[in-house]
Protein backbone atom coordinates (compact mmCIF):
# COMPACT_ATOMS: atom_id res chain seq x y z
CA UNK A 1 -9.59 12.76 49.68
CA UNK A 2 -8.64 9.28 48.63
CA UNK A 3 -11.42 9.38 45.97
CA UNK A 4 -9.87 12.61 44.49
CA UNK A 5 -6.46 10.97 44.28
CA UNK A 6 -7.91 7.87 42.58
CA UNK A 7 -9.84 10.02 40.08
CA UNK A 8 -6.68 11.98 39.26
CA UNK A 9 -4.59 8.80 38.89
CA UNK A 10 -7.22 7.42 36.56
CA UNK A 11 -7.31 10.58 34.55
CA UNK A 12 -3.50 10.58 34.27
CA UNK A 13 -3.58 6.96 33.23
CA UNK A 14 -6.15 7.54 30.53
CA UNK A 15 -4.21 10.59 29.14
CA UNK A 16 -0.93 8.69 29.27
CA UNK A 17 -2.40 5.70 27.46
CA UNK A 18 -3.90 7.94 24.78
CA UNK A 19 -0.53 9.68 24.20
CA UNK A 20 1.25 6.26 24.02
CA UNK A 21 -1.30 4.96 21.53
CA UNK A 22 -1.04 8.03 19.39
CA UNK A 23 2.72 7.80 19.22
CA UNK A 24 2.73 4.00 18.70
CA UNK A 25 0.16 4.08 15.93
CA UNK A 26 2.00 6.57 13.79
CA UNK A 27 2.73 5.61 10.22
CA UNK A 28 5.60 6.23 7.82
CA UNK A 29 3.40 5.09 4.87
CA UNK A 30 4.23 6.74 1.56
CA UNK A 31 1.92 6.96 -1.46
CA UNK A 32 -1.38 6.51 0.35
CA UNK A 33 -3.26 8.87 -2.00
CA UNK A 34 -1.41 7.49 -5.00
CA UNK A 35 -2.49 3.99 -4.04
CA UNK A 36 -6.12 5.15 -3.69
CA UNK A 37 -6.13 6.85 -7.06
CA UNK A 38 -4.74 3.79 -8.80
CA UNK A 39 -7.00 1.31 -7.03
CA UNK A 40 -10.09 3.54 -7.52
CA UNK A 41 -9.39 3.65 -11.32
CA UNK A 42 -9.03 -0.15 -11.33
CA UNK A 43 -12.34 -0.61 -9.34
CA UNK A 44 -14.15 1.70 -11.77
CA UNK A 45 -12.82 -0.07 -14.90
CA UNK A 46 -13.20 -3.65 -13.59
CA UNK A 47 -16.94 -3.99 -14.54
CA UNK A 48 -15.84 -3.62 -18.24
CA UNK A 49 -13.58 -6.59 -17.92
CA UNK A 50 -15.37 -9.95 -17.84
CA UNK A 51 -12.36 -11.75 -16.38
CA UNK A 52 -12.14 -9.47 -13.32
CA UNK A 53 -14.56 -10.11 -10.48
CA UNK A 54 -15.28 -7.64 -7.79
CA UNK A 55 -16.63 -10.32 -5.51
CA UNK A 56 -13.23 -10.73 -3.89
CA UNK A 57 -11.92 -9.41 -1.55
CA UNK A 58 -15.13 -8.63 0.24
CA UNK A 59 -17.14 -6.95 -2.57
CA UNK A 60 -20.50 -8.65 -2.55
CA UNK A 61 -23.42 -7.30 -4.48
CA UNK A 62 -24.39 -6.67 -8.11
CA UNK A 63 -23.60 -3.70 -10.35
CA UNK A 64 -22.16 -0.40 -9.18
CA UNK A 65 -22.39 -1.41 -5.51
CA UNK A 66 -19.47 -3.71 -6.30
CA UNK A 67 -17.49 -0.65 -7.58
CA UNK A 68 -18.39 1.41 -4.55
CA UNK A 69 -17.44 -1.47 -2.19
CA UNK A 70 -14.18 -1.93 -4.04
CA UNK A 71 -13.34 1.75 -3.77
CA UNK A 72 -14.15 1.74 -0.04
CA UNK A 73 -12.09 -1.41 0.56
CA UNK A 74 -8.89 0.10 -1.07
CA UNK A 75 -9.45 3.44 0.68
CA UNK A 76 -8.71 1.47 3.83
CA UNK A 77 -6.23 -1.00 2.37
CA UNK A 78 -4.12 1.88 0.91
CA UNK A 79 -3.51 3.23 4.38
CA UNK A 80 -0.35 1.16 4.32
CA UNK A 81 0.98 3.08 1.31
CA UNK A 82 2.95 1.75 -1.58
CA UNK A 83 6.15 -0.26 -1.20
CA UNK A 84 7.57 1.65 -4.16
CA UNK A 85 6.87 5.08 -2.76
CA UNK A 86 5.20 7.94 -4.50
CA UNK A 87 6.66 8.93 -7.91
CA UNK A 88 4.80 12.26 -8.06
CA UNK A 89 1.55 13.49 -9.54
CA UNK A 90 2.50 13.61 -13.25
CA UNK A 91 3.72 9.98 -13.27
CA UNK A 92 0.63 8.82 -11.28
CA UNK A 93 -1.67 10.61 -13.76
CA UNK A 94 -0.10 8.73 -16.70
CA UNK A 95 -0.62 5.39 -14.94
CA UNK A 96 -4.28 6.27 -13.96
CA UNK A 97 -4.84 7.38 -17.64
CA UNK A 98 -3.51 4.02 -18.80
CA UNK A 99 -5.84 2.21 -16.50
CA UNK A 100 -8.79 4.34 -17.58
CA UNK A 101 -8.22 3.55 -21.21
CA UNK A 102 -9.88 0.27 -20.29
CA UNK A 103 -7.52 -2.38 -21.51
CA UNK A 104 -8.44 -5.22 -19.22
CA UNK A 105 -4.87 -6.56 -19.02
CA UNK A 106 -3.74 -3.15 -17.60
CA UNK A 107 -6.84 -3.01 -15.26
CA UNK A 108 -5.91 -6.38 -13.88
CA UNK A 109 -2.10 -5.81 -13.74
CA UNK A 110 -1.29 -2.12 -14.08
CA UNK A 111 2.37 -2.72 -13.76
CA UNK A 112 2.23 -4.46 -17.12
CA UNK A 113 1.90 -1.05 -18.85
CA UNK A 114 4.98 1.08 -19.27
CA UNK A 115 3.14 4.01 -17.68
CA UNK A 116 2.69 2.05 -14.47
CA UNK A 117 5.93 -0.02 -14.56
CA UNK A 118 7.12 2.01 -11.54
CA UNK A 119 4.63 -0.13 -9.43
CA UNK A 120 7.04 -3.01 -9.66
CA UNK A 121 9.05 -3.10 -6.42
CA UNK A 122 12.78 -3.19 -6.90
CA UNK A 123 14.25 -6.62 -6.61
CA UNK A 124 16.28 -7.29 -3.49
CA UNK A 125 20.03 -7.63 -4.03
CA UNK A 126 21.30 -11.14 -4.50
CA UNK A 127 22.55 -12.76 -1.31
CA UNK A 128 26.16 -12.72 -2.56
CA UNK A 129 25.98 -9.00 -3.29
CA UNK A 130 24.60 -8.22 0.18
CA UNK A 131 27.39 -10.17 1.75
CA UNK A 132 29.97 -8.25 -0.27
CA UNK A 133 28.53 -4.86 0.77
CA UNK A 134 28.56 -5.77 4.45
CA UNK A 135 32.08 -7.16 4.26
CA UNK A 136 30.87 -10.59 5.17
CA UNK A 137 31.92 -12.21 1.97
CA UNK A 138 33.77 -15.49 2.34
CA UNK A 139 37.50 -15.24 2.06
CA UNK A 140 38.86 -17.45 -0.70
CA UNK A 141 41.80 -19.59 0.21
CA UNK A 142 45.06 -18.59 -1.52
CA UNK A 143 46.36 -20.98 -4.17
CA UNK A 144 49.46 -22.95 -3.11
């Protein structure tokens, strides 16, 4: 009898832990597939650019294996999504097309091309502006 109770408690514990982990490991990541498309295009164009090495991060090996390792790396890395969100398929396609044109400057820094400028995260508001919005701006002394 005691054994049955312990087995049931163990089973309930395992199920409860699984549910807790599933809820805790949820993600609100946005732009995962967009990130993968952009990084995959960059990985595939990088061998055409002598100043871009696929050895880092974690891409050892010669030739196309570097490209494949690069794509695999970013498939995982992109699970965090994009800070800038997802602008939609047409905008992403324009950016990927710009990368695929093969200009090494764009492969290295896609945000340098107008088609990919949306990759630049918005600047945070100045500290003074944030204080004004929250009503925490310092009160100026009245002139005598």
